[in-house]
C-alpha atoms as a PDB file:
ATOM      1  CA  MET A   1       0.000   0.000   0.000  1.00  0.00           C
ATOM      2  CA  GLN A   2       1.223   3.490  -0.827  1.00  0.00           C
ATOM      3  CA  PRO A   3       1.857   5.284   2.498  1.00  0.00           C
ATOM      4  CA  ASN A   4       0.957   8.825   1.426  1.00  0.00           C
ATOM      5  CA  LEU A   5      -2.017  10.217  -0.456  1.00  0.00           C
ATOM      6  CA  ARG A   6      -1.980  13.726  -1.892  1.00  0.00           C
ATOM      7  CA  LEU A   7      -5.596  14.747  -2.192  1.00  0.00           C
ATOM      8  CA  CYS A   8      -7.265  17.697  -3.900  1.00  0.00           C
ATOM      9  CA  VAL A   9     -10.678  18.553  -2.457  1.00  0.00           C
ATOM     10  CA  SER A  10     -13.239  20.694  -4.254  1.00  0.00           C
ATOM     11  CA  GLN A  11     -15.871  22.822  -2.514  1.00  0.00           C
ATOM     12  CA  MET A  12     -18.559  23.797  -5.046  1.00  0.00           C
ATOM     13  CA  THR A  13     -21.656  25.899  -5.595  1.00  0.00           C
ATOM     14  CA  SER A  14     -23.239  23.606  -8.147  1.00  0.00           C
ATOM     15  CA  THR A  15     -25.755  24.888 -10.684  1.00  0.00           C
ATOM     16  CA  THR A  16     -28.865  23.443 -12.322  1.00  0.00           C
ATOM     17  CA  HIS A  17     -27.060  22.401 -15.523  1.00  0.00           C
ATOM     18  CA  HIS A  18     -24.263  19.931 -16.171  1.00  0.00           C
ATOM     19  CA  ALA A  19     -22.226  22.224 -18.437  1.00  0.00           C
ATOM     20  CA  SER A  20     -21.215  24.819 -15.854  1.00  0.00           C
ATOM     21  CA  ASN A  21     -20.419  22.147 -13.269  1.00  0.00           C
ATOM     22  CA  ILE A  22     -18.260  20.302 -15.782  1.00  0.00           C
ATOM     23  CA  LYS A  23     -16.400  23.553 -16.426  1.00  0.00           C
ATOM     24  CA  TRP A  24     -15.630  23.719 -12.694  1.00  0.00           C
ATOM     25  CA  LEU A  25     -14.540  20.071 -12.774  1.00  0.00           C
ATOM     26  CA  VAL A  26     -12.116  20.742 -15.633  1.00  0.00           C
ATOM     27  CA  ASN A  27     -10.420  23.555 -13.723  1.00  0.00           C
ATOM     28  CA  ALA A  28     -10.334  21.639 -10.430  1.00  0.00           C
ATOM     29  CA  ALA A  29      -8.751  18.602 -12.079  1.00  0.00           C
ATOM     30  CA  ALA A  30      -6.136  20.753 -13.803  1.00  0.00           C
ATOM     31  CA  TYR A  31      -5.256  22.318 -10.437  1.00  0.00           C
ATOM     32  CA  ALA A  32      -5.016  18.882  -8.849  1.00  0.00           C
ATOM     33  CA  ALA A  33      -2.709  17.621 -11.582  1.00  0.00           C
ATOM     34  CA  GLU A  34      -0.493  20.724 -11.454  1.00  0.00           C
ATOM     35  CA  ASN A  35      -0.069  20.192  -7.712  1.00  0.00           C
ATOM     36  CA  GLY A  36       0.905  16.540  -7.961  1.00  0.00           C
ATOM     37  CA  CYS A  37      -2.293  15.151  -6.470  1.00  0.00           C
ATOM     38  CA  HIS A  38      -3.240  11.494  -6.713  1.00  0.00           C
ATOM     39  CA  CYS A  39      -6.990  12.016  -6.331  1.00  0.00           C
ATOM     40  CA  LEU A  40      -9.655  14.712  -6.672  1.00  0.00           C
ATOM     41  CA  ALA A  41     -12.685  14.538  -4.347  1.00  0.00           C
ATOM     42  CA  LEU A  42     -15.928  16.344  -5.217  1.00  0.00           C
ATOM     43  CA  PRO A  43     -19.155  17.007  -3.258  1.00  0.00           C
ATOM     44  CA  GLU A  44     -22.664  15.622  -3.435  1.00  0.00           C
ATOM     45  CA  ALA A  45     -24.617  16.965  -6.433  1.00  0.00           C
ATOM     46  CA  ALA A  46     -21.377  17.990  -8.128  1.00  0.00           C
ATOM     47  CA  GLY A  47     -22.821  17.084 -11.518  1.00  0.00           C
ATOM     48  CA  MET A  48     -26.101  18.893 -11.104  1.00  0.00           C
ATOM     49  CA  MET A  49     -28.260  20.429  -8.346  1.00  0.00           C
ATOM     50  CA  ASN A  50     -31.818  21.163  -9.414  1.00  0.00           C
ATOM     51  CA  ARG A  51     -34.804  20.847  -7.083  1.00  0.00           C
ATOM     52  CA  ASP A  52     -37.259  21.392  -9.985  1.00  0.00           C
ATOM     53  CA  GLN A  53     -37.953  17.750 -10.745  1.00  0.00           C
ATOM     54  CA  ASN A  54     -39.681  18.412 -14.055  1.00  0.00           C
ATOM     55  CA  VAL A  55     -36.764  20.446 -15.427  1.00  0.00           C
ATOM     56  CA  ALA A  56     -34.221  18.045 -13.970  1.00  0.00           C
ATOM     57  CA  ARG A  57     -35.921  15.077 -15.629  1.00  0.00           C
ATOM     58  CA  GLN A  58     -35.174  16.592 -19.041  1.00  0.00           C
ATOM     59  CA  GLN A  59     -31.437  16.450 -18.284  1.00  0.00           C
ATOM     60  CA  ILE A  60     -31.007  13.313 -16.166  1.00  0.00           C
ATOM     61  CA  THR A  61     -30.064  10.067 -17.859  1.00  0.00           C
ATOM     62  CA  VAL A  62     -28.461   6.719 -17.039  1.00  0.00           C
ATOM     63  CA  GLU A  63     -24.816   6.486 -15.986  1.00  0.00           C
ATOM     64  CA  SER A  64     -23.493   5.430 -19.389  1.00  0.00           C
ATOM     65  CA  THR A  65     -24.725   8.635 -21.073  1.00  0.00           C
ATOM     66  CA  ASP A  66     -24.498  11.064 -18.161  1.00  0.00           C
ATOM     67  CA  PRO A  67     -22.368  14.038 -19.304  1.00  0.00           C
ATOM     68  CA  TYR A  68     -20.808  14.701 -15.883  1.00  0.00           C
ATOM     69  CA  ILE A  69     -19.702  11.103 -15.337  1.00  0.00           C
ATOM     70  CA  SER A  70     -18.391  10.932 -18.909  1.00  0.00           C
ATOM     71  CA  ALA A  71     -16.394  14.119 -18.320  1.00  0.00           C
ATOM     72  CA  CYS A  72     -14.955  12.706 -15.071  1.00  0.00           C
ATOM     73  CA  LYS A  73     -13.767   9.598 -16.926  1.00  0.00           C
ATOM     74  CA  SER A  74     -12.118  11.596 -19.709  1.00  0.00           C
ATOM     75  CA  ILE A  75     -10.472  14.058 -17.331  1.00  0.00           C
ATOM     76  CA  ALA A  76      -9.193  11.291 -15.045  1.00  0.00           C
ATOM     77  CA  ALA A  77      -7.462   9.626 -17.990  1.00  0.00           C
ATOM     78  CA  GLU A  78      -6.140  12.937 -19.328  1.00  0.00           C
ATOM     79  CA  HIS A  79      -4.513  13.925 -16.037  1.00  0.00           C
ATOM     80  CA  HIS A  80      -3.696  10.402 -14.786  1.00  0.00           C
ATOM     81  CA  LEU A  81      -5.810  11.278 -11.742  1.00  0.00           C
ATOM     82  CA  TRP A  82      -8.214   9.306  -9.585  1.00  0.00           C
ATOM     83  CA  ILE A  83     -11.575  11.080  -9.192  1.00  0.00           C
ATOM     84  CA  GLN A  84     -14.120  10.520  -6.442  1.00  0.00           C
ATOM     85  CA  THR A  85     -17.044  12.088  -8.256  1.00  0.00           C
ATOM     86  CA  GLY A  86     -19.080  13.018  -5.179  1.00  0.00           C
ATOM     87  CA  SER A  87     -22.491  12.396  -6.683  1.00  0.00           C
ATOM     88  CA  THR A  88     -24.867  13.349  -9.453  1.00  0.00           C
ATOM     89  CA  PRO A  89     -28.489  12.358 -10.112  1.00  0.00           C
ATOM     90  CA  ILE A  90     -29.040   9.583 -12.643  1.00  0.00           C
ATOM     91  CA  ALA A  91     -32.177   7.779 -13.788  1.00  0.00           C
ATOM     92  CA  GLY A  92     -33.362   5.142 -11.329  1.00  0.00           C
ATOM     93  CA  ASN A  93     -35.457   2.021 -11.720  1.00  0.00           C
ATOM     94  CA  ASP A  94     -38.873   3.159 -10.515  1.00  0.00           C
ATOM     95  CA  GLY A  95     -39.324   6.616 -12.048  1.00  0.00           C
ATOM     96  CA  ARG A  96     -37.298   8.367  -9.361  1.00  0.00           C
ATOM     97  CA  PHE A  97     -33.614   9.269  -9.527  1.00  0.00           C
ATOM     98  CA  LEU A  98     -30.576   7.717  -7.873  1.00  0.00           C
ATOM     99  CA  ASN A  99     -28.094   9.906  -5.993  1.00  0.00           C
ATOM    100  CA  HIS A 100     -25.104   8.253  -7.614  1.00  0.00           C
ATOM    101  CA  GLY A 101     -21.368   8.395  -6.966  1.00  0.00           C
ATOM    102  CA  ASN A 102     -18.371   6.834  -8.693  1.00  0.00           C
ATOM    103  CA  LEU A 103     -14.727   6.217  -8.000  1.00  0.00           C
ATOM    104  CA  ILE A 104     -12.807   6.544 -11.261  1.00  0.00           C
ATOM    105  CA  ASP A 105      -9.180   5.462 -11.552  1.00  0.00           C
ATOM    106  CA  HIS A 106      -6.270   7.175 -13.301  1.00  0.00           C
ATOM    107  CA  HIS A 107      -7.048   5.334 -16.536  1.00  0.00           C
ATOM    108  CA  GLY A 108     -10.561   6.751 -16.640  1.00  0.00           C
ATOM    109  CA  GLU A 109     -12.164   3.443 -15.644  1.00  0.00           C
ATOM    110  CA  VAL A 110     -15.011   3.241 -13.138  1.00  0.00           C
ATOM    111  CA  ARG A 111     -13.699   1.234 -10.201  1.00  0.00           C
ATOM    112  CA  ALA A 112     -16.763   1.518  -7.964  1.00  0.00           C
ATOM    113  CA  ARG A 113     -20.361   2.713  -7.995  1.00  0.00           C
ATOM    114  CA  TYR A 114     -22.415   3.793  -5.008  1.00  0.00           C
ATOM    115  CA  ASP A 115     -26.040   4.912  -4.664  1.00  0.00           C
ATOM    116  CA  LYS A 116     -26.971   6.885  -1.541  1.00  0.00           C
ATOM    117  CA  ILE A 117     -28.553   4.454   0.902  1.00  0.00           C
ATOM    118  CA  HIS A 118     -30.099   6.777   3.493  1.00  0.00           C
ATOM    119  CA  LEU A 119     -32.417   9.462   2.121  1.00  0.00           C
ATOM    120  CA  PHE A 120     -32.854  12.818   3.846  1.00  0.00           C
ATOM    121  CA  ASP A 121     -36.485  12.837   4.927  1.00  0.00           C
ATOM    122  CA  ALA A 122     -36.313  15.367   7.747  1.00  0.00           C
ATOM    123  CA  TYR A 123     -38.714  17.806   9.398  1.00  0.00           C
ATOM    124  CA  LEU A 124     -36.791  20.829  10.593  1.00  0.00           C
ATOM    125  CA  ASP A 125     -38.557  23.516  12.600  1.00  0.00           C
ATOM    126  CA  GLY A 126     -39.383  26.462  10.359  1.00  0.00           C
ATOM    127  CA  HIS A 127     -38.651  24.558   7.128  1.00  0.00           C
ATOM    128  CA  SER A 128     -40.636  22.464   4.686  1.00  0.00           C
ATOM    129  CA  ALA A 129     -40.168  18.705   4.906  1.00  0.00           C
ATOM    130  CA  THR A 130     -37.143  17.702   2.841  1.00  0.00           C
ATOM    131  CA  GLY A 131     -38.818  14.651   1.270  1.00  0.00           C
ATOM    132  CA  GLU A 132     -35.741  13.324  -0.537  1.00  0.00           C
ATOM    133  CA  SER A 133     -37.426   9.947  -0.978  1.00  0.00           C
ATOM    134  CA  ASP A 134     -40.116  11.631  -3.080  1.00  0.00           C
ATOM    135  CA  ARG A 135     -37.466  12.304  -5.724  1.00  0.00           C
ATOM    136  CA  TYR A 136     -34.883   9.582  -5.139  1.00  0.00           C
ATOM    137  CA  GLU A 137     -34.938   5.852  -4.623  1.00  0.00           C
ATOM    138  CA  PRO A 138     -32.502   4.489  -2.040  1.00  0.00           C
ATOM    139  CA  GLY A 139     -29.434   2.438  -2.770  1.00  0.00           C
ATOM    140  CA  SER A 140     -28.993  -0.893  -1.042  1.00  0.00           C
ATOM    141  CA  GLN A 141     -25.289  -1.689  -1.361  1.00  0.00           C
ATOM    142  CA  ALA A 142     -22.389  -0.463   0.767  1.00  0.00           C
ATOM    143  CA  VAL A 143     -19.240  -0.279  -1.362  1.00  0.00           C
ATOM    144  CA  ALA A 144     -15.589  -0.423  -0.335  1.00  0.00           C
ATOM    145  CA  VAL A 145     -12.980  -0.394  -3.096  1.00  0.00           C
ATOM    146  CA  SER A 146      -9.337  -1.426  -3.136  1.00  0.00           C
ATOM    147  CA  THR A 147      -6.883   1.269  -4.272  1.00  0.00           C
ATOM    148  CA  PRO A 148      -3.089   1.697  -4.165  1.00  0.00           C
ATOM    149  CA  TRP A 149      -3.682   3.617  -0.891  1.00  0.00           C
ATOM    150  CA  GLY A 150      -5.745   0.907   0.761  1.00  0.00           C
ATOM    151  CA  LEU A 151      -9.462   0.294   0.999  1.00  0.00           C
ATOM    152  CA  TRP A 152     -11.795   3.285   0.582  1.00  0.00           C
ATOM    153  CA  GLY A 153     -15.396   3.394   1.798  1.00  0.00           C
ATOM    154  CA  MET A 154     -18.077   5.245  -0.154  1.00  0.00           C
ATOM    155  CA  SER A 155     -21.106   7.113   1.171  1.00  0.00           C
ATOM    156  CA  ILE A 156     -23.106  10.284   0.560  1.00  0.00           C
ATOM    157  CA  CYS A 157     -24.277  13.040   2.930  1.00  0.00           C
ATOM    158  CA  TYR A 158     -27.168  11.794   5.134  1.00  0.00           C
ATOM    159  CA  ASP A 159     -25.404   8.415   5.384  1.00  0.00           C
ATOM    160  CA  LEU A 160     -23.171  10.285   7.856  1.00  0.00           C
ATOM    161  CA  ARG A 161     -25.831   9.891  10.553  1.00  0.00           C
ATOM    162  CA  PHE A 162     -25.717   6.084  10.411  1.00  0.00           C
ATOM    163  CA  PRO A 163     -22.465   5.053  12.123  1.00  0.00           C
ATOM    164  CA  LYS A 164     -22.851   1.307  11.562  1.00  0.00           C
ATOM    165  CA  LEU A 165     -22.104   1.843   7.870  1.00  0.00           C
ATOM    166  CA  TYR A 166     -18.705   3.344   8.648  1.00  0.00           C
ATOM    167  CA  TRP A 167     -17.981   0.818  11.412  1.00  0.00           C
ATOM    168  CA  ARG A 168     -18.476  -1.962   8.870  1.00  0.00           C
ATOM    169  CA  TYR A 169     -16.153  -0.223   6.413  1.00  0.00           C
ATOM    170  CA  ALA A 170     -13.507   0.038   9.134  1.00  0.00           C
ATOM    171  CA  GLN A 171     -13.933  -3.595  10.147  1.00  0.00           C
ATOM    172  CA  ALA A 172     -13.380  -4.527   6.494  1.00  0.00           C
ATOM    173  CA  GLY A 173     -10.068  -2.623   6.617  1.00  0.00           C
ATOM    174  CA  ALA A 174     -10.962   0.773   5.148  1.00  0.00           C
ATOM    175  CA  SER A 175      -8.460   3.571   5.716  1.00  0.00           C
ATOM    176  CA  VAL A 176     -10.323   6.470   4.026  1.00  0.00           C
ATOM    177  CA  LEU A 177     -14.035   7.280   4.157  1.00  0.00           C
ATOM    178  CA  PHE A 178     -15.581   9.590   1.559  1.00  0.00           C
ATOM    179  CA  ILE A 179     -18.664  11.546   2.671  1.00  0.00           C
ATOM    180  CA  PRO A 180     -19.479  14.064  -0.116  1.00  0.00           C
ATOM    181  CA  SER A 181     -22.313  16.299   1.030  1.00  0.00           C
ATOM    182  CA  ALA A 182     -24.703  19.192   0.479  1.00  0.00           C
ATOM    183  CA  PHE A 183     -25.686  19.928   4.083  1.00  0.00           C
ATOM    184  CA  THR A 184     -28.333  22.509   4.870  1.00  0.00           C
ATOM    185  CA  VAL A 185     -27.216  25.552   6.829  1.00  0.00           C
ATOM    186  CA  ALA A 186     -29.339  24.628   9.862  1.00  0.00           C
ATOM    187  CA  THR A 187     -28.072  21.053  10.163  1.00  0.00           C
ATOM    188  CA  GLY A 188     -24.561  21.994   9.115  1.00  0.00           C
ATOM    189  CA  GLU A 189     -24.180  24.576  11.841  1.00  0.00           C
ATOM    190  CA  ALA A 190     -25.507  22.186  14.474  1.00  0.00           C
ATOM    191  CA  HIS A 191     -24.108  18.805  13.492  1.00  0.00           C
ATOM    192  CA  TRP A 192     -21.658  18.747  10.563  1.00  0.00           C
ATOM    193  CA  GLU A 193     -18.281  18.943  12.279  1.00  0.00           C
ATOM    194  CA  VAL A 194     -19.156  16.865  15.323  1.00  0.00           C
ATOM    195  CA  LEU A 195     -20.581  14.014  13.235  1.00  0.00           C
ATOM    196  CA  LEU A 196     -17.610  13.923  10.883  1.00  0.00           C
ATOM    197  CA  ARG A 197     -15.090  13.973  13.708  1.00  0.00           C
ATOM    198  CA  ALA A 198     -17.017  11.233  15.469  1.00  0.00           C
ATOM    199  CA  ARG A 199     -16.943   9.000  12.397  1.00  0.00           C
ATOM    200  CA  ALA A 200     -13.159   9.490  12.089  1.00  0.00           C
ATOM    201  CA  ILE A 201     -12.515   8.801  15.779  1.00  0.00           C
ATOM    202  CA  GLU A 202     -14.844   5.781  15.979  1.00  0.00           C
ATOM    203  CA  THR A 203     -13.298   4.067  12.979  1.00  0.00           C
ATOM    204  CA  GLY A 204      -9.685   5.238  13.037  1.00  0.00           C
ATOM    205  CA  CYS A 205     -10.092   6.352   9.414  1.00  0.00           C
ATOM    206  CA  PHE A 206      -9.393   9.504   7.471  1.00  0.00           C
ATOM    207  CA  VAL A 207     -12.669  11.251   6.628  1.00  0.00           C
ATOM    208  CA  VAL A 208     -12.896  13.254   3.400  1.00  0.00           C
ATOM    209  CA  ALA A 209     -16.054  15.380   3.243  1.00  0.00           C
ATOM    210  CA  ALA A 210     -16.200  17.600   0.148  1.00  0.00           C
ATOM    211  CA  ALA A 211     -19.182  19.934   0.466  1.00  0.00           C
ATOM    212  CA  GLN A 212     -21.484  22.281  -1.387  1.00  0.00           C
ATOM    213  CA  VAL A 213     -21.436  25.913  -0.231  1.00  0.00           C
ATOM    214  CA  GLY A 214     -23.445  29.113  -0.562  1.00  0.00           C
ATOM    215  CA  SER A 215     -26.449  30.215  -2.626  1.00  0.00           C
ATOM    216  CA  HIS A 216     -27.437  27.942  -5.501  1.00  0.00           C
ATOM    217  CA  ASP A 217     -29.438  28.952  -8.529  1.00  0.00           C
ATOM    218  CA  ASP A 218     -32.231  26.520  -7.611  1.00  0.00           C
ATOM    219  CA  GLY A 219     -32.760  28.530  -4.406  1.00  0.00           C
ATOM    220  CA  ARG A 220     -30.944  26.283  -1.960  1.00  0.00           C
ATOM    221  CA  GLN A 221     -28.406  27.388   0.648  1.00  0.00           C
ATOM    222  CA  THR A 222     -25.670  24.964   1.705  1.00  0.00           C
ATOM    223  CA  TRP A 223     -23.322  24.997   4.678  1.00  0.00           C
ATOM    224  CA  GLY A 224     -19.919  24.425   3.093  1.00  0.00           C
ATOM    225  CA  HIS A 225     -17.021  23.775   5.488  1.00  0.00           C
ATOM    226  CA  THR A 226     -15.464  21.000   3.456  1.00  0.00           C
ATOM    227  CA  LEU A 227     -13.480  19.013   6.021  1.00  0.00           C
ATOM    228  CA  VAL A 228     -10.652  16.498   5.950  1.00  0.00           C
ATOM    229  CA  ILE A 229     -10.136  14.805   9.316  1.00  0.00           C
ATOM    230  CA  ASP A 230      -7.412  12.420  10.441  1.00  0.00           C
ATOM    231  CA  PRO A 231      -7.969   9.146  12.368  1.00  0.00           C
ATOM    232  CA  TRP A 232      -7.381  10.877  15.718  1.00  0.00           C
ATOM    233  CA  GLY A 233     -10.164  13.377  14.975  1.00  0.00           C
ATOM    234  CA  ARG A 234      -7.889  16.296  14.085  1.00  0.00           C
ATOM    235  CA  ILE A 235      -9.125  18.652  11.384  1.00  0.00           C
ATOM    236  CA  LEU A 236      -6.524  18.846   8.622  1.00  0.00           C
ATOM    237  CA  LEU A 237      -8.585  21.094   6.343  1.00  0.00           C
ATOM    238  CA  ASP A 238     -11.635  23.353   6.735  1.00  0.00           C
ATOM    239  CA  MET A 239     -12.547  25.299   3.591  1.00  0.00           C
ATOM    240  CA  GLY A 240     -14.963  27.660   5.339  1.00  0.00           C
ATOM    241  CA  GLY A 241     -18.597  28.457   4.698  1.00  0.00           C
ATOM    242  CA  THR A 242     -18.591  31.275   2.181  1.00  0.00           C
ATOM    243  CA  GLN A 243     -16.701  30.450  -1.032  1.00  0.00           C
ATOM    244  CA  ALA A 244     -16.208  27.655  -3.528  1.00  0.00           C
ATOM    245  CA  GLY A 245     -12.616  26.611  -4.125  1.00  0.00           C
ATOM    246  CA  VAL A 246     -10.065  23.826  -4.228  1.00  0.00           C
ATOM    247  CA  ALA A 247      -7.416  22.832  -1.706  1.00  0.00           C
ATOM    248  CA  VAL A 248      -4.643  20.252  -1.406  1.00  0.00           C
ATOM    249  CA  VAL A 249      -4.009  18.120   1.671  1.00  0.00           C
ATOM    250  CA  ASP A 250      -1.512  15.315   2.295  1.00  0.00           C
ATOM    251  CA  LEU A 251      -2.676  12.204   4.146  1.00  0.00           C
ATOM    252  CA  ASP A 252      -0.089  10.148   6.049  1.00  0.00           C
ATOM    253  CA  LEU A 253      -1.787   6.760   5.980  1.00  0.00           C
ATOM    254  CA  HIS A 254       0.476   5.417   8.731  1.00  0.00           C
ATOM    255  CA  LEU A 255      -1.769   7.395  11.095  1.00  0.00           C
ATOM    256  CA  VAL A 256      -4.559   4.842  10.587  1.00  0.00           C
ATOM    257  CA  ASP A 257      -2.577   2.018  12.207  1.00  0.00           C
ATOM    258  CA  GLN A 258      -1.226   4.407  14.811  1.00  0.00           C
ATOM    259  CA  ALA A 259      -4.680   5.504  15.944  1.00  0.00           C
ATOM    260  CA  ARG A 260      -6.070   1.966  15.934  1.00  0.00           C
ATOM    261  CA  SER A 261      -3.151   0.588  17.934  1.00  0.00           C
ATOM    262  CA  GLN A 262      -3.624   3.221  20.646  1.00  0.00           C
ATOM    263  CA  ILE A 263      -7.392   2.779  20.903  1.00  0.00           C
ATOM    264  CA  PRO A 264      -8.169  -0.653  19.395  1.00  0.00           C
ATOM    265  CA  SER A 265     -11.954  -0.334  19.544  1.00  0.00           C
ATOM    266  CA  LEU A 266     -12.396  -2.328  16.335  1.00  0.00           C
ATOM    267  CA  LYS A 267     -10.769  -5.301  18.093  1.00  0.00           C
ATOM    268  CA  ASN A 268     -12.326  -4.651  21.497  1.00  0.00           C
ATOM    269  CA  GLU A 269     -15.950  -4.766  20.387  1.00  0.00           C
ATOM    270  CA  ARG A 270     -17.871  -7.562  22.138  1.00  0.00           C
ATOM    271  CA  GLN A 271     -21.174  -9.236  21.480  1.00  0.00           C
ATOM    272  CA  TYR A 272     -23.798  -8.680  24.158  1.00  0.00           C
ATOM    273  CA  ASN A 273     -27.414  -9.350  24.944  1.00  0.00           C
ATOM    274  CA  PHE A 274     -29.981  -6.557  25.130  1.00  0.00           C
ATOM    275  CA  GLN A 275     -32.544  -6.333  27.899  1.00  0.00           C
ATOM    276  CA  ILE A 276     -35.429  -3.951  28.501  1.00  0.00           C
ATOM    277  CA  VAL A 277     -36.590  -3.880  32.100  1.00  0.00           C
ATOM    278  CA  THR A 278     -40.251  -2.967  32.578  1.00  0.00           C
ATOM    279  CA  ASP A 279     -42.431  -2.588  35.666  1.00  0.00           C
END
């Protein structure tokens, strides 16, 4: 396994059309390549963010013809760069969409596919119900993929609130967890950092959480604060909550074994019975 990963992380303000987001992708990948990065990580909805389902349906297609995914494959091969695509909506199986992410290798080949398992159906005070399951069908497969830098676990946004997913990735040997997101401002301010740090500490993994930020042209506001966190829970990168941009961070993968040897919770877990005592 390669001991060091140079990562470029992109914080975006995605638009309602693929073309402008692909333009951002092109520039981010060029920056990553110029700075000697091995991988570019992008946020949820990097390919397109459009809450108008009728308009979105005119643009959304299956993976094989999706313009954003096709661009990621071409750019990865051009720059000899791995790309964690974040996610983009593609056509599902029941009339809804899939919130779909890919890991693409430096030859432009898709190495892994992941559909968001947990859908954000939340009821925040003062806000309309989010109703993500009205538009999207859930995925059903957790995906960990072998890379030259070890095993990487894939997830998307609301998955963050379900720690068993990441525990299982860690038990399988994952060293890096990708959590591309488009958090709301309300939930981001309250929960974003603490949840991400918890997932890193619980698993002894690096957490890479590329995020959407700012005011989007479909009317949404997102929290930003793209974070990269080491296995001890230390924040290596925080891109702030106001501007899109790209940043480079170096991951020393030896820190995974170091953290797990000091607090070997993955080994110390025990089976137990559960009892509810009633009157």
